C-alpha cells in the first residue's frame, strides 16, 4: 500500500511539474476521465477474460485489454454522454455543453444584433 501511494503521489507531482500551461487536449482528457473511471472496469475485465480464453498470453492480453477499454470508453463518452443531458450528471450543469437555454453550441442560439 505504501509503495502504491508513493507511486501515485510521485506521478501526480511529476505531472504537476511537467504540465505548466492548460491546453485543449488536457481539458478534454480531464472531461472524459470521470466517465472512463466509471465505465472502464467492466469493459477491461470482460476483454481480458475473452482474450485469455482465446489463448492470448496474459502479458499481451492485459495491456491490449486496457488499450481496448480506453478506446471503447472514449467512443461511448462521445456517442452517449458528451452531447446529451447525461453530461449534466457527470460534468455538472455549468460545465456541460448541453445547457438550457441553449448557449452558443448552435442549438437555438440567436446572436444579438451587431455581433
PDB file of N, CA and C in Angstrom:
ATOM      1  N   UNK A   1       0.828  -1.190   0.000  1.00  0.00           N
ATOM      2  CA  UNK A   1       0.000   0.000   0.000  1.00  0.00           C
ATOM      3  C   UNK A   1       0.879   1.263   0.000  1.00  0.00           C
ATOM      4  N   UNK A   2       1.923   1.255   0.778  1.00  0.00           N
ATOM      5  CA  UNK A   2       2.804   2.428   0.840  1.00  0.00           C
ATOM      6  C   UNK A   2       3.495   2.653  -0.506  1.00  0.00           C
ATOM      7  N   UNK A   3       3.905   1.567  -1.148  1.00  0.00           N
ATOM      8  CA  UNK A   3       4.554   1.709  -2.450  1.00  0.00           C
ATOM      9  C   UNK A   3       3.564   2.260  -3.489  1.00  0.00           C
ATOM     10  N   UNK A   4       2.319   1.785  -3.444  1.00  0.00           N
ATOM     11  CA  UNK A   4       1.307   2.280  -4.385  1.00  0.00           C
ATOM     12  C   UNK A   4       1.032   3.760  -4.163  1.00  0.00           C
ATOM     13  N   UNK A   5       0.857   4.153  -2.908  1.00  0.00           N
ATOM     14  CA  UNK A   5       0.624   5.567  -2.609  1.00  0.00           C
ATOM     15  C   UNK A   5       1.813   6.428  -3.025  1.00  0.00           C
ATOM     16  N   UNK A   6       3.001   5.955  -2.775  1.00  0.00           N
ATOM     17  CA  UNK A   6       4.190   6.707  -3.174  1.00  0.00           C
ATOM     18  C   UNK A   6       4.259   6.867  -4.689  1.00  0.00           C
ATOM     19  N   UNK A   7       3.942   5.791  -5.416  1.00  0.00           N
ATOM     20  CA  UNK A   7       3.944   5.862  -6.875  1.00  0.00           C
ATOM     21  C   UNK A   7       2.911   6.865  -7.366  1.00  0.00           C
ATOM     22  N   UNK A   8       1.695   6.814  -6.825  1.00  0.00           N
ATOM     23  CA  UNK A   8       0.635   7.723  -7.267  1.00  0.00           C
ATOM     24  C   UNK A   8       0.999   9.169  -6.961  1.00  0.00           C
ATOM     25  N   UNK A   9       1.443   9.444  -5.741  1.00  0.00           N
ATOM     26  CA  UNK A   9       1.801  10.816  -5.387  1.00  0.00           C
ATOM     27  C   UNK A   9       3.005  11.297  -6.184  1.00  0.00           C
ATOM     28  N   UNK A  10       3.959  10.414  -6.437  1.00  0.00           N
ATOM     29  CA  UNK A  10       5.099  10.782  -7.270  1.00  0.00           C
ATOM     30  C   UNK A  10       4.681  11.100  -8.697  1.00  0.00           C
ATOM     31  N   UNK A  11       3.751  10.303  -9.249  1.00  0.00           N
ATOM     32  CA  UNK A  11       3.250  10.547 -10.599  1.00  0.00           C
ATOM     33  C   UNK A  11       2.487  11.862 -10.665  1.00  0.00           C
ATOM     34  N   UNK A  12       1.676  12.154  -9.653  1.00  0.00           N
ATOM     35  CA  UNK A  12       0.962  13.436  -9.615  1.00  0.00           C
ATOM     36  C   UNK A  12       1.952  14.592  -9.560  1.00  0.00           C
ATOM     37  N   UNK A  13       2.962  14.467  -8.726  1.00  0.00           N
ATOM     38  CA  UNK A  13       3.983  15.513  -8.639  1.00  0.00           C
ATOM     39  C   UNK A  13       4.731  15.704  -9.947  1.00  0.00           C
ATOM     40  N   UNK A  14       5.044  14.605 -10.627  1.00  0.00           N
ATOM     41  CA  UNK A  14       5.725  14.698 -11.913  1.00  0.00           C
ATOM     42  C   UNK A  14       4.859  15.418 -12.936  1.00  0.00           C
ATOM     43  N   UNK A  15       3.592  15.101 -12.996  1.00  0.00           N
ATOM     44  CA  UNK A  15       2.692  15.761 -13.943  1.00  0.00           C
ATOM     45  C   UNK A  15       2.515  17.246 -13.599  1.00  0.00           C
ATOM     46  N   UNK A  16       2.423  17.568 -12.329  1.00  0.00           N
ATOM     47  CA  UNK A  16       2.346  18.983 -11.927  1.00  0.00           C
ATOM     48  C   UNK A  16       3.586  19.738 -12.389  1.00  0.00           C
ATOM     49  N   UNK A  17       4.722  19.089 -12.344  1.00  0.00           N
ATOM     50  CA  UNK A  17       5.970  19.721 -12.739  1.00  0.00           C
ATOM     51  C   UNK A  17       6.060  19.845 -14.269  1.00  0.00           C
ATOM     52  N   UNK A  18       5.588  18.822 -15.004  1.00  0.00           N
ATOM     53  CA  UNK A  18       5.694  18.822 -16.457  1.00  0.00           C
ATOM     54  C   UNK A  18       4.658  19.702 -17.138  1.00  0.00           C
ATOM     55  N   UNK A  19       3.441  19.712 -16.630  1.00  0.00           N
ATOM     56  CA  UNK A  19       2.357  20.435 -17.283  1.00  0.00           C
ATOM     57  C   UNK A  19       2.189  21.777 -16.596  1.00  0.00           C
ATOM     58  N   UNK A  20       2.656  22.813 -17.244  1.00  0.00           N
ATOM     59  CA  UNK A  20       2.624  24.156 -16.660  1.00  0.00           C
ATOM     60  C   UNK A  20       1.473  25.010 -17.174  1.00  0.00           C
ATOM     61  N   UNK A  21       1.061  24.796 -18.410  1.00  0.00           N
ATOM     62  CA  UNK A  21       0.010  25.629 -19.001  1.00  0.00           C
ATOM     63  C   UNK A  21      -1.168  24.760 -19.420  1.00  0.00           C
ATOM     64  N   UNK A  22      -2.380  25.266 -19.263  1.00  0.00           N
ATOM     65  CA  UNK A  22      -3.545  24.493 -19.701  1.00  0.00           C
ATOM     66  C   UNK A  22      -3.613  24.412 -21.222  1.00  0.00           C
ATOM     67  N   UNK A  23      -4.233  23.359 -21.709  1.00  0.00           N
ATOM     68  CA  UNK A  23      -4.405  23.190 -23.154  1.00  0.00           C
ATOM     69  C   UNK A  23      -5.748  22.526 -23.423  1.00  0.00           C
ATOM     70  N   UNK A  24      -6.180  22.555 -24.676  1.00  0.00           N
ATOM     71  CA  UNK A  24      -7.444  21.932 -25.064  1.00  0.00           C
ATOM     72  C   UNK A  24      -7.387  20.420 -24.865  1.00  0.00           C
ATOM     73  N   UNK A  25      -6.248  19.806 -25.178  1.00  0.00           N
ATOM     74  CA  UNK A  25      -6.107  18.358 -25.025  1.00  0.00           C
ATOM     75  C   UNK A  25      -6.207  17.969 -23.555  1.00  0.00           C
ATOM     76  N   UNK A  26      -5.548  18.709 -22.696  1.00  0.00           N
ATOM     77  CA  UNK A  26      -5.611  18.434 -21.265  1.00  0.00           C
ATOM     78  C   UNK A  26      -7.024  18.640 -20.738  1.00  0.00           C
ATOM     79  N   UNK A  27      -7.696  19.682 -21.156  1.00  0.00           N
ATOM     80  CA  UNK A  27      -9.068  19.945 -20.726  1.00  0.00           C
ATOM     81  C   UNK A  27     -10.000  18.824 -21.163  1.00  0.00           C
ATOM     82  N   UNK A  28      -9.816  18.342 -22.410  1.00  0.00           N
ATOM     83  CA  UNK A  28     -10.648  17.252 -22.903  1.00  0.00           C
ATOM     84  C   UNK A  28     -10.355  15.951 -22.149  1.00  0.00           C
ATOM     85  N   UNK A  29      -9.086  15.672 -21.860  1.00  0.00           N
ATOM     86  CA  UNK A  29      -8.724  14.466 -21.117  1.00  0.00           C
ATOM     87  C   UNK A  29      -9.328  14.482 -19.716  1.00  0.00           C
ATOM     88  N   UNK A  30      -9.339  15.637 -19.090  1.00  0.00           N
ATOM     89  CA  UNK A  30      -9.956  15.753 -17.768  1.00  0.00           C
ATOM     90  C   UNK A  30     -11.455  15.534 -17.869  1.00  0.00           C
ATOM     91  N   UNK A  31     -12.063  16.061 -18.910  1.00  0.00           N
ATOM     92  CA  UNK A  31     -13.504  15.922 -19.095  1.00  0.00           C
ATOM     93  C   UNK A  31     -13.915  14.469 -19.288  1.00  0.00           C
ATOM     94  N   UNK A  32     -13.168  13.717 -20.071  1.00  0.00           N
ATOM     95  CA  UNK A  32     -13.524  12.329 -20.366  1.00  0.00           C
ATOM     96  C   UNK A  32     -13.081  11.373 -19.254  1.00  0.00           C
ATOM     97  N   UNK A  33     -12.231  11.815 -18.357  1.00  0.00           N
ATOM     98  CA  UNK A  33     -11.667  10.905 -17.356  1.00  0.00           C
ATOM     99  C   UNK A  33     -12.690  10.374 -16.357  1.00  0.00           C
ATOM    100  N   UNK A  34     -13.673  11.163 -15.954  1.00  0.00           N
ATOM    101  CA  UNK A  34     -14.628  10.689 -14.959  1.00  0.00           C
ATOM    102  C   UNK A  34     -15.489   9.564 -15.518  1.00  0.00           C
ATOM    103  N   UNK A  35     -15.980   9.708 -16.740  1.00  0.00           N
ATOM    104  CA  UNK A  35     -16.756   8.635 -17.355  1.00  0.00           C
ATOM    105  C   UNK A  35     -15.893   7.397 -17.544  1.00  0.00           C
ATOM    106  N   UNK A  36     -14.650   7.578 -17.965  1.00  0.00           N
ATOM    107  CA  UNK A  36     -13.743   6.448 -18.145  1.00  0.00           C
ATOM    108  C   UNK A  36     -13.501   5.746 -16.820  1.00  0.00           C
ATOM    109  N   UNK A  37     -13.348   6.501 -15.749  1.00  0.00           N
ATOM    110  CA  UNK A  37     -13.162   5.929 -14.420  1.00  0.00           C
ATOM    111  C   UNK A  37     -14.356   5.065 -14.037  1.00  0.00           C
ATOM    112  N   UNK A  38     -15.564   5.525 -14.358  1.00  0.00           N
ATOM    113  CA  UNK A  38     -16.770   4.787 -14.001  1.00  0.00           C
ATOM    114  C   UNK A  38     -16.930   3.535 -14.862  1.00  0.00           C
ATOM    115  N   UNK A  39     -16.702   3.622 -16.150  1.00  0.00           N
ATOM    116  CA  UNK A  39     -17.081   2.563 -17.088  1.00  0.00           C
ATOM    117  C   UNK A  39     -15.970   1.573 -17.443  1.00  0.00           C
ATOM    118  N   UNK A  40     -14.714   1.893 -17.175  1.00  0.00           N
ATOM    119  CA  UNK A  40     -13.642   1.083 -17.751  1.00  0.00           C
ATOM    120  C   UNK A  40     -13.490  -0.303 -17.158  1.00  0.00           C
ATOM    121  N   UNK A  41     -13.795  -0.491 -15.883  1.00  0.00           N
ATOM    122  CA  UNK A  41     -13.505  -1.778 -15.256  1.00  0.00           C
ATOM    123  C   UNK A  41     -14.246  -2.937 -15.909  1.00  0.00           C
ATOM    124  N   UNK A  42     -15.537  -2.797 -16.121  1.00  0.00           N
ATOM    125  CA  UNK A  42     -16.304  -3.880 -16.732  1.00  0.00           C
ATOM    126  C   UNK A  42     -15.785  -4.205 -18.125  1.00  0.00           C
ATOM    127  N   UNK A  43     -15.483  -3.175 -18.896  1.00  0.00           N
ATOM    128  CA  UNK A  43     -15.002  -3.386 -20.261  1.00  0.00           C
ATOM    129  C   UNK A  43     -13.639  -4.075 -20.262  1.00  0.00           C
ATOM    130  N   UNK A  44     -12.728  -3.622 -19.409  1.00  0.00           N
ATOM    131  CA  UNK A  44     -11.381  -4.199 -19.363  1.00  0.00           C
ATOM    132  C   UNK A  44     -11.417  -5.629 -18.834  1.00  0.00           C
ATOM    133  N   UNK A  45     -12.209  -5.877 -17.791  1.00  0.00           N
ATOM    134  CA  UNK A  45     -12.318  -7.247 -17.273  1.00  0.00           C
ATOM    135  C   UNK A  45     -12.850  -8.208 -18.328  1.00  0.00           C
ATOM    136  N   UNK A  46     -13.935  -7.813 -18.977  1.00  0.00           N
ATOM    137  CA  UNK A  46     -14.526  -8.695 -19.980  1.00  0.00           C
ATOM    138  C   UNK A  46     -13.577  -8.914 -21.159  1.00  0.00           C
ATOM    139  N   UNK A  47     -12.912  -7.864 -21.610  1.00  0.00           N
ATOM    140  CA  UNK A  47     -11.963  -8.010 -22.720  1.00  0.00           C
ATOM    141  C   UNK A  47     -10.787  -8.901 -22.313  1.00  0.00           C
ATOM    142  N   UNK A  48     -10.287  -8.748 -21.095  1.00  0.00           N
ATOM    143  CA  UNK A  48      -9.178  -9.580 -20.607  1.00  0.00           C
ATOM    144  C   UNK A  48      -9.588 -11.044 -20.549  1.00  0.00           C
ATOM    145  N   UNK A  49     -10.767 -11.300 -20.001  1.00  0.00           N
ATOM    146  CA  UNK A  49     -11.249 -12.678 -19.903  1.00  0.00           C
ATOM    147  C   UNK A  49     -11.388 -13.286 -21.291  1.00  0.00           C
ATOM    148  N   UNK A  50     -11.974 -12.545 -22.213  1.00  0.00           N
ATOM    149  CA  UNK A  50     -12.147 -13.061 -23.561  1.00  0.00           C
ATOM    150  C   UNK A  50     -10.806 -13.354 -24.212  1.00  0.00           C
ATOM    151  N   UNK A  51      -9.843 -12.422 -24.079  1.00  0.00           N
ATOM    152  CA  UNK A  51      -8.542 -12.610 -24.725  1.00  0.00           C
ATOM    153  C   UNK A  51      -7.797 -13.814 -24.151  1.00  0.00           C
ATOM    154  N   UNK A  52      -7.837 -13.975 -22.832  1.00  0.00           N
ATOM    155  CA  UNK A  52      -7.138 -15.100 -22.208  1.00  0.00           C
ATOM    156  C   UNK A  52      -7.791 -16.425 -22.596  1.00  0.00           C
ATOM    157  N   UNK A  53      -9.132 -16.453 -22.642  1.00  0.00           N
ATOM    158  CA  UNK A  53      -9.808 -17.697 -23.039  1.00  0.00           C
ATOM    159  C   UNK A  53      -9.598 -18.022 -24.519  1.00  0.00           C
ATOM    160  N   UNK A  54      -9.243 -17.030 -25.318  1.00  0.00           N
ATOM    161  CA  UNK A  54      -8.935 -17.267 -26.733  1.00  0.00           C
ATOM    162  C   UNK A  54      -7.486 -17.694 -26.943  1.00  0.00           C
ATOM    163  N   UNK A  55      -6.719 -17.771 -25.869  1.00  0.00           N
ATOM    164  CA  UNK A  55      -5.349 -18.262 -25.965  1.00  0.00           C
ATOM    165  C   UNK A  55      -4.281 -17.190 -25.989  1.00  0.00           C
ATOM    166  N   UNK A  56      -4.633 -15.941 -25.764  1.00  0.00           N
ATOM    167  CA  UNK A  56      -3.638 -14.873 -25.729  1.00  0.00           C
ATOM    168  C   UNK A  56      -2.781 -15.036 -24.474  1.00  0.00           C
ATOM    169  N   UNK A  57      -1.524 -14.694 -24.585  1.00  0.00           N
ATOM    170  CA  UNK A  57      -0.650 -14.663 -23.418  1.00  0.00           C
ATOM    171  C   UNK A  57      -1.111 -13.546 -22.486  1.00  0.00           C
ATOM    172  N   UNK A  58      -1.069 -13.779 -21.182  1.00  0.00           N
ATOM    173  CA  UNK A  58      -1.560 -12.771 -20.237  1.00  0.00           C
ATOM    174  C   UNK A  58      -0.746 -11.485 -20.278  1.00  0.00           C
ATOM    175  N   UNK A  59       0.536 -11.583 -20.615  1.00  0.00           N
ATOM    176  CA  UNK A  59       1.368 -10.388 -20.705  1.00  0.00           C
ATOM    177  C   UNK A  59       0.968  -9.507 -21.891  1.00  0.00           C
ATOM    178  N   UNK A  60       0.298 -10.084 -22.857  1.00  0.00           N
ATOM    179  CA  UNK A  60      -0.196  -9.329 -24.009  1.00  0.00           C
ATOM    180  C   UNK A  60      -1.654  -8.939 -23.804  1.00  0.00           C
ATOM    181  N   UNK A  61      -2.432  -9.843 -23.219  1.00  0.00           N
ATOM    182  CA  UNK A  61      -3.878  -9.630 -23.081  1.00  0.00           C
ATOM    183  C   UNK A  61      -4.206  -8.455 -22.161  1.00  0.00           C
ATOM    184  N   UNK A  62      -3.494  -8.317 -21.059  1.00  0.00           N
ATOM    185  CA  UNK A  62      -3.830  -7.246 -20.104  1.00  0.00           C
ATOM    186  C   UNK A  62      -3.569  -5.859 -20.686  1.00  0.00           C
ATOM    187  N   UNK A  63      -2.386  -5.564 -21.257  1.00  0.00           N
ATOM    188  CA  UNK A  63      -2.220  -4.240 -21.876  1.00  0.00           C
ATOM    189  C   UNK A  63      -3.144  -4.011 -23.078  1.00  0.00           C
ATOM    190  N   UNK A  64      -3.390  -5.058 -23.860  1.00  0.00           N
ATOM    191  CA  UNK A  64      -4.289  -4.908 -25.004  1.00  0.00           C
ATOM    192  C   UNK A  64      -5.707  -4.619 -24.535  1.00  0.00           C
ATOM    193  N   UNK A  65      -6.143  -5.284 -23.479  1.00  0.00           N
ATOM    194  CA  UNK A  65      -7.483  -5.035 -22.934  1.00  0.00           C
ATOM    195  C   UNK A  65      -7.580  -3.630 -22.361  1.00  0.00           C
ATOM    196  N   UNK A  66      -6.509  -3.152 -21.735  1.00  0.00           N
ATOM    197  CA  UNK A  66      -6.512  -1.783 -21.194  1.00  0.00           C
ATOM    198  C   UNK A  66      -6.625  -0.760 -22.320  1.00  0.00           C
ATOM    199  N   UNK A  67      -5.883  -0.954 -23.394  1.00  0.00           N
ATOM    200  CA  UNK A  67      -5.962  -0.036 -24.531  1.00  0.00           C
ATOM    201  C   UNK A  67      -7.340  -0.112 -25.185  1.00  0.00           C
ATOM    202  N   UNK A  68      -7.861  -1.324 -25.354  1.00  0.00           N
ATOM    203  CA  UNK A  68      -9.196  -1.506 -25.918  1.00  0.00           C
ATOM    204  C   UNK A  68     -10.242  -0.825 -25.039  1.00  0.00           C
ATOM    205  N   UNK A  69     -10.117  -0.994 -23.724  1.00  0.00           N
ATOM    206  CA  UNK A  69     -11.066  -0.373 -22.803  1.00  0.00           C
ATOM    207  C   UNK A  69     -11.040   1.141 -22.882  1.00  0.00           C
ATOM    208  N   UNK A  70      -9.861   1.718 -23.019  1.00  0.00           N
ATOM    209  CA  UNK A  70      -9.755   3.172 -23.138  1.00  0.00           C
ATOM    210  C   UNK A  70     -10.418   3.659 -24.422  1.00  0.00           C
ATOM    211  N   UNK A  71     -10.155   2.979 -25.521  1.00  0.00           N
ATOM    212  CA  UNK A  71     -10.753   3.379 -26.798  1.00  0.00           C
ATOM    213  C   UNK A  71     -12.268   3.262 -26.751  1.00  0.00           C
ATOM    214  N   UNK A  72     -12.781   2.162 -26.195  1.00  0.00           N
ATOM    215  CA  UNK A  72     -14.229   1.965 -26.109  1.00  0.00           C
ATOM    216  C   UNK A  72     -14.863   3.009 -25.197  1.00  0.00           C
ATOM    217  N   UNK A  73     -14.232   3.300 -24.067  1.00  0.00           N
ATOM    218  CA  UNK A  73     -14.781   4.303 -23.141  1.00  0.00           C
ATOM    219  C   UNK A  73     -14.846   5.685 -23.779  1.00  0.00           C
ATOM    220  N   UNK A  74     -13.816   6.068 -24.504  1.00  0.00           N
ATOM    221  CA  UNK A  74     -13.824   7.374 -25.162  1.00  0.00           C
ATOM    222  C   UNK A  74     -14.919   7.412 -26.236  1.00  0.00           C
ATOM    223  N   UNK A  75     -15.056   6.331 -26.994  1.00  0.00           N
ATOM    224  CA  UNK A  75     -16.106   6.287 -28.023  1.00  0.00           C
ATOM    225  C   UNK A  75     -17.495   6.345 -27.382  1.00  0.00           C
ATOM    226  N   UNK A  76     -17.714   5.595 -26.313  1.00  0.00           N
ATOM    227  CA  UNK A  76     -19.007   5.624 -25.630  1.00  0.00           C
ATOM    228  C   UNK A  76     -19.294   7.003 -25.046  1.00  0.00           C
ATOM    229  N   UNK A  77     -18.257   7.661 -24.533  1.00  0.00           N
ATOM    230  CA  UNK A  77     -18.434   9.002 -23.978  1.00  0.00           C
ATOM    231  C   UNK A  77     -18.889   9.981 -25.056  1.00  0.00           C
ATOM    232  N   UNK A  78     -18.212   9.950 -26.199  1.00  0.00           N
ATOM    233  CA  UNK A  78     -18.561  10.879 -27.267  1.00  0.00           C
ATOM    234  C   UNK A  78     -19.965  10.595 -27.808  1.00  0.00           C
ATOM    235  N   UNK A  79     -20.315   9.323 -27.952  1.00  0.00           N
ATOM    236  CA  UNK A  79     -21.608   8.964 -28.534  1.00  0.00           C
ATOM    237  C   UNK A  79     -22.761   9.181 -27.557  1.00  0.00           C
ATOM    238  N   UNK A  80     -22.619   8.729 -26.313  1.00  0.00           N
ATOM    239  CA  UNK A  80     -23.752   8.696 -25.391  1.00  0.00           C
ATOM    240  C   UNK A  80     -23.767   9.765 -24.312  1.00  0.00           C
ATOM    241  N   UNK A  81     -22.646  10.453 -24.082  1.00  0.00           N
ATOM    242  CA  UNK A  81     -22.598  11.383 -22.957  1.00  0.00           C
ATOM    243  C   UNK A  81     -22.287  12.809 -23.381  1.00  0.00           C
ATOM    244  N   UNK A  82     -21.291  13.032 -24.184  1.00  0.00           N
ATOM    245  CA  UNK A  82     -20.761  14.373 -24.446  1.00  0.00           C
ATOM    246  C   UNK A  82     -21.817  15.378 -24.885  1.00  0.00           C
ATOM    247  N   UNK A  83     -22.667  15.008 -25.798  1.00  0.00           N
ATOM    248  CA  UNK A  83     -23.635  15.946 -26.358  1.00  0.00           C
ATOM    249  C   UNK A  83     -25.065  15.646 -25.920  1.00  0.00           C
ATOM    250  N   UNK A  84     -25.225  15.045 -24.759  1.00  0.00           N
ATOM    251  CA  UNK A  84     -26.548  14.701 -24.250  1.00  0.00           C
ATOM    252  C   UNK A  84     -26.707  15.240 -22.831  1.00  0.00           C
ATOM    253  N   UNK A  85     -27.909  15.201 -22.309  1.00  0.00           N
ATOM    254  CA  UNK A  85     -28.114  15.636 -20.921  1.00  0.00           C
ATOM    255  C   UNK A  85     -27.374  14.783 -19.886  1.00  0.00           C
ATOM    256  N   UNK A  86     -26.887  13.611 -20.255  1.00  0.00           N
ATOM    257  CA  UNK A  86     -26.083  12.822 -19.317  1.00  0.00           C
ATOM    258  C   UNK A  86     -24.832  13.574 -18.875  1.00  0.00           C
ATOM    259  N   UNK A  87     -24.378  14.478 -19.732  1.00  0.00           N
ATOM    260  CA  UNK A  87     -23.213  15.283 -19.382  1.00  0.00           C
ATOM    261  C   UNK A  87     -23.506  16.179 -18.178  1.00  0.00           C
ATOM    262  N   UNK A  88     -24.774  16.556 -17.986  1.00  0.00           N
ATOM    263  CA  UNK A  88     -25.134  17.330 -16.794  1.00  0.00           C
ATOM    264  C   UNK A  88     -24.803  16.542 -15.537  1.00  0.00           C
ATOM    265  N   UNK A  89     -25.050  15.235 -15.557  1.00  0.00           N
ATOM    266  CA  UNK A  89     -24.790  14.409 -14.383  1.00  0.00           C
ATOM    267  C   UNK A  89     -23.298  14.257 -14.109  1.00  0.00           C
ATOM    268  N   UNK A  90     -22.511  14.134 -15.154  1.00  0.00           N
ATOM    269  CA  UNK A  90     -21.093  13.873 -14.972  1.00  0.00           C
ATOM    270  C   UNK A  90     -20.250  15.134 -14.832  1.00  0.00           C
ATOM    271  N   UNK A  91     -20.554  16.170 -15.602  1.00  0.00           N
ATOM    272  CA  UNK A  91     -19.726  17.377 -15.588  1.00  0.00           C
ATOM    273  C   UNK A  91     -20.336  18.497 -14.768  1.00  0.00           C
ATOM    274  N   UNK A  92     -21.615  18.389 -14.466  1.00  0.00           N
ATOM    275  CA  UNK A  92     -22.285  19.485 -13.789  1.00  0.00           C
ATOM    276  C   UNK A  92     -22.929  20.409 -14.805  1.00  0.00           C
ATOM    277  N   UNK A  93     -23.971  21.078 -14.389  1.00  0.00           N
ATOM    278  CA  UNK A  93     -24.745  21.898 -15.321  1.00  0.00           C
ATOM    279  C   UNK A  93     -23.916  23.016 -15.937  1.00  0.00           C
ATOM    280  N   UNK A  94     -23.143  23.713 -15.123  1.00  0.00           N
ATOM    281  CA  UNK A  94     -22.413  24.881 -15.636  1.00  0.00           C
ATOM    282  C   UNK A  94     -21.317  24.507 -16.615  1.00  0.00           C
ATOM    283  N   UNK A  95     -20.724  23.326 -16.482  1.00  0.00           N
ATOM    284  CA  UNK A  95     -19.649  22.911 -17.378  1.00  0.00           C
ATOM    285  C   UNK A  95     -20.144  22.099 -18.557  1.00  0.00           C
ATOM    286  N   UNK A  96     -21.402  21.739 -18.559  1.00  0.00           N
ATOM    287  CA  UNK A  96     -21.948  20.889 -19.601  1.00  0.00           C
ATOM    288  C   UNK A  96     -22.128  21.651 -20.904  1.00  0.00           C
ATOM    289  N   UNK A  97     -21.845  21.000 -22.008  1.00  0.00           N
ATOM    290  CA  UNK A  97     -22.060  21.586 -23.336  1.00  0.00           C
ATOM    291  C   UNK A  97     -23.546  21.739 -23.599  1.00  0.00           C
ATOM    292  N   UNK A  98     -24.334  20.784 -23.137  1.00  0.00           N
ATOM    293  CA  UNK A  98     -25.757  20.722 -23.411  1.00  0.00           C
ATOM    294  C   UNK A  98     -26.483  21.483 -22.306  1.00  0.00           C
ATOM    295  N   UNK A  99     -26.740  22.760 -22.514  1.00  0.00           N
ATOM    296  CA  UNK A  99     -27.343  23.587 -21.476  1.00  0.00           C
ATOM    297  C   UNK A  99     -28.713  24.100 -21.854  1.00  0.00           C
ATOM    298  N   UNK A 100     -29.464  24.549 -20.873  1.00  0.00           N
ATOM    299  CA  UNK A 100     -30.783  25.157 -21.084  1.00  0.00           C
ATOM    300  C   UNK A 100     -30.728  26.562 -20.521  1.00  0.00           C
ATOM    301  N   UNK A 101     -31.152  27.605 -21.121  1.00  0.00           N
ATOM    302  CA  UNK A 101     -31.459  27.628 -22.545  1.00  0.00           C
ATOM    303  C   UNK A 101     -30.179  27.426 -23.344  1.00  0.00           C
ATOM    304  N   UNK A 102     -30.316  26.944 -24.529  1.00  0.00           N
ATOM    305  CA  UNK A 102     -29.152  26.548 -25.302  1.00  0.00           C
ATOM    306  C   UNK A 102     -28.237  27.748 -25.552  1.00  0.00           C
ATOM    307  N   UNK A 103     -26.985  27.505 -25.265  1.00  0.00           N
ATOM    308  CA  UNK A 103     -25.984  28.557 -25.413  1.00  0.00           C
ATOM    309  C   UNK A 103     -25.423  28.562 -26.820  1.00  0.00           C
ATOM    310  N   UNK A 104     -24.239  29.041 -26.965  1.00  0.00           N
ATOM    311  CA  UNK A 104     -23.598  29.176 -28.279  1.00  0.00           C
ATOM    312  C   UNK A 104     -23.131  27.828 -28.826  1.00  0.00           C
ATOM    313  N   UNK A 105     -23.813  26.773 -28.488  1.00  0.00           N
ATOM    314  CA  UNK A 105     -23.452  25.483 -29.047  1.00  0.00           C
ATOM    315  C   UNK A 105     -24.149  25.233 -30.368  1.00  0.00           C
ATOM    316  N   UNK A 106     -24.890  26.224 -30.847  1.00  0.00           N
ATOM    317  CA  UNK A 106     -25.505  26.117 -32.150  1.00  0.00           C
ATOM    318  C   UNK A 106     -26.967  25.732 -32.119  1.00  0.00           C
ATOM    319  N   UNK A 107     -27.527  25.402 -30.967  1.00  0.00           N
ATOM    320  CA  UNK A 107     -28.908  24.949 -30.888  1.00  0.00           C
ATOM    321  C   UNK A 107     -29.783  26.084 -30.408  1.00  0.00           C
ATOM    322  N   UNK A 108     -30.509  26.685 -31.287  1.00  0.00           N
ATOM    323  CA  UNK A 108     -31.460  27.722 -30.905  1.00  0.00           C
ATOM    324  C   UNK A 108     -30.830  29.030 -30.477  1.00  0.00           C
ATOM    325  N   UNK A 109     -29.563  29.217 -30.753  1.00  0.00           N
ATOM    326  CA  UNK A 109     -28.890  30.436 -30.338  1.00  0.00           C
ATOM    327  C   UNK A 109     -29.054  31.486 -31.412  1.00  0.00           C
ATOM    328  N   UNK A 110     -29.452  32.669 -30.994  1.00  0.00           N
ATOM    329  CA  UNK A 110     -29.521  33.807 -31.905  1.00  0.00           C
ATOM    330  C   UNK A 110     -28.558  34.869 -31.411  1.00  0.00           C
ATOM    331  N   UNK A 111     -27.652  35.249 -32.253  1.00  0.00           N
ATOM    332  CA  UNK A 111     -26.681  36.255 -31.876  1.00  0.00           C
ATOM    333  C   UNK A 111     -27.376  37.604 -31.725  1.00  0.00           C
ATOM    334  N   UNK A 112     -26.977  38.376 -30.719  1.00  0.00           N
ATOM    335  CA  UNK A 112     -27.537  39.716 -30.569  1.00  0.00           C
ATOM    336  C   UNK A 112     -27.189  40.571 -31.789  1.00  0.00           C
ATOM    337  N   UNK A 113     -28.001  41.574 -32.022  1.00  0.00           N
ATOM    338  CA  UNK A 113     -27.769  42.489 -33.145  1.00  0.00           C
ATOM    339  C   UNK A 113     -26.375  43.099 -33.047  1.00  0.00           C
ATOM    340  N   UNK A 114     -25.708  43.170 -34.163  1.00  0.00           N
ATOM    341  CA  UNK A 114     -24.378  43.794 -34.199  1.00  0.00           C
ATOM    342  C   UNK A 114     -23.249  42.826 -33.855  1.00  0.00           C
ATOM    343  N   UNK A 115     -23.542  41.567 -33.615  1.00  0.00           N
ATOM    344  CA  UNK A 115     -22.477  40.614 -33.260  1.00  0.00           C
ATOM    345  C   UNK A 115     -22.109  39.779 -34.444  1.00  0.00           C
TER     346      UNK A 115
END
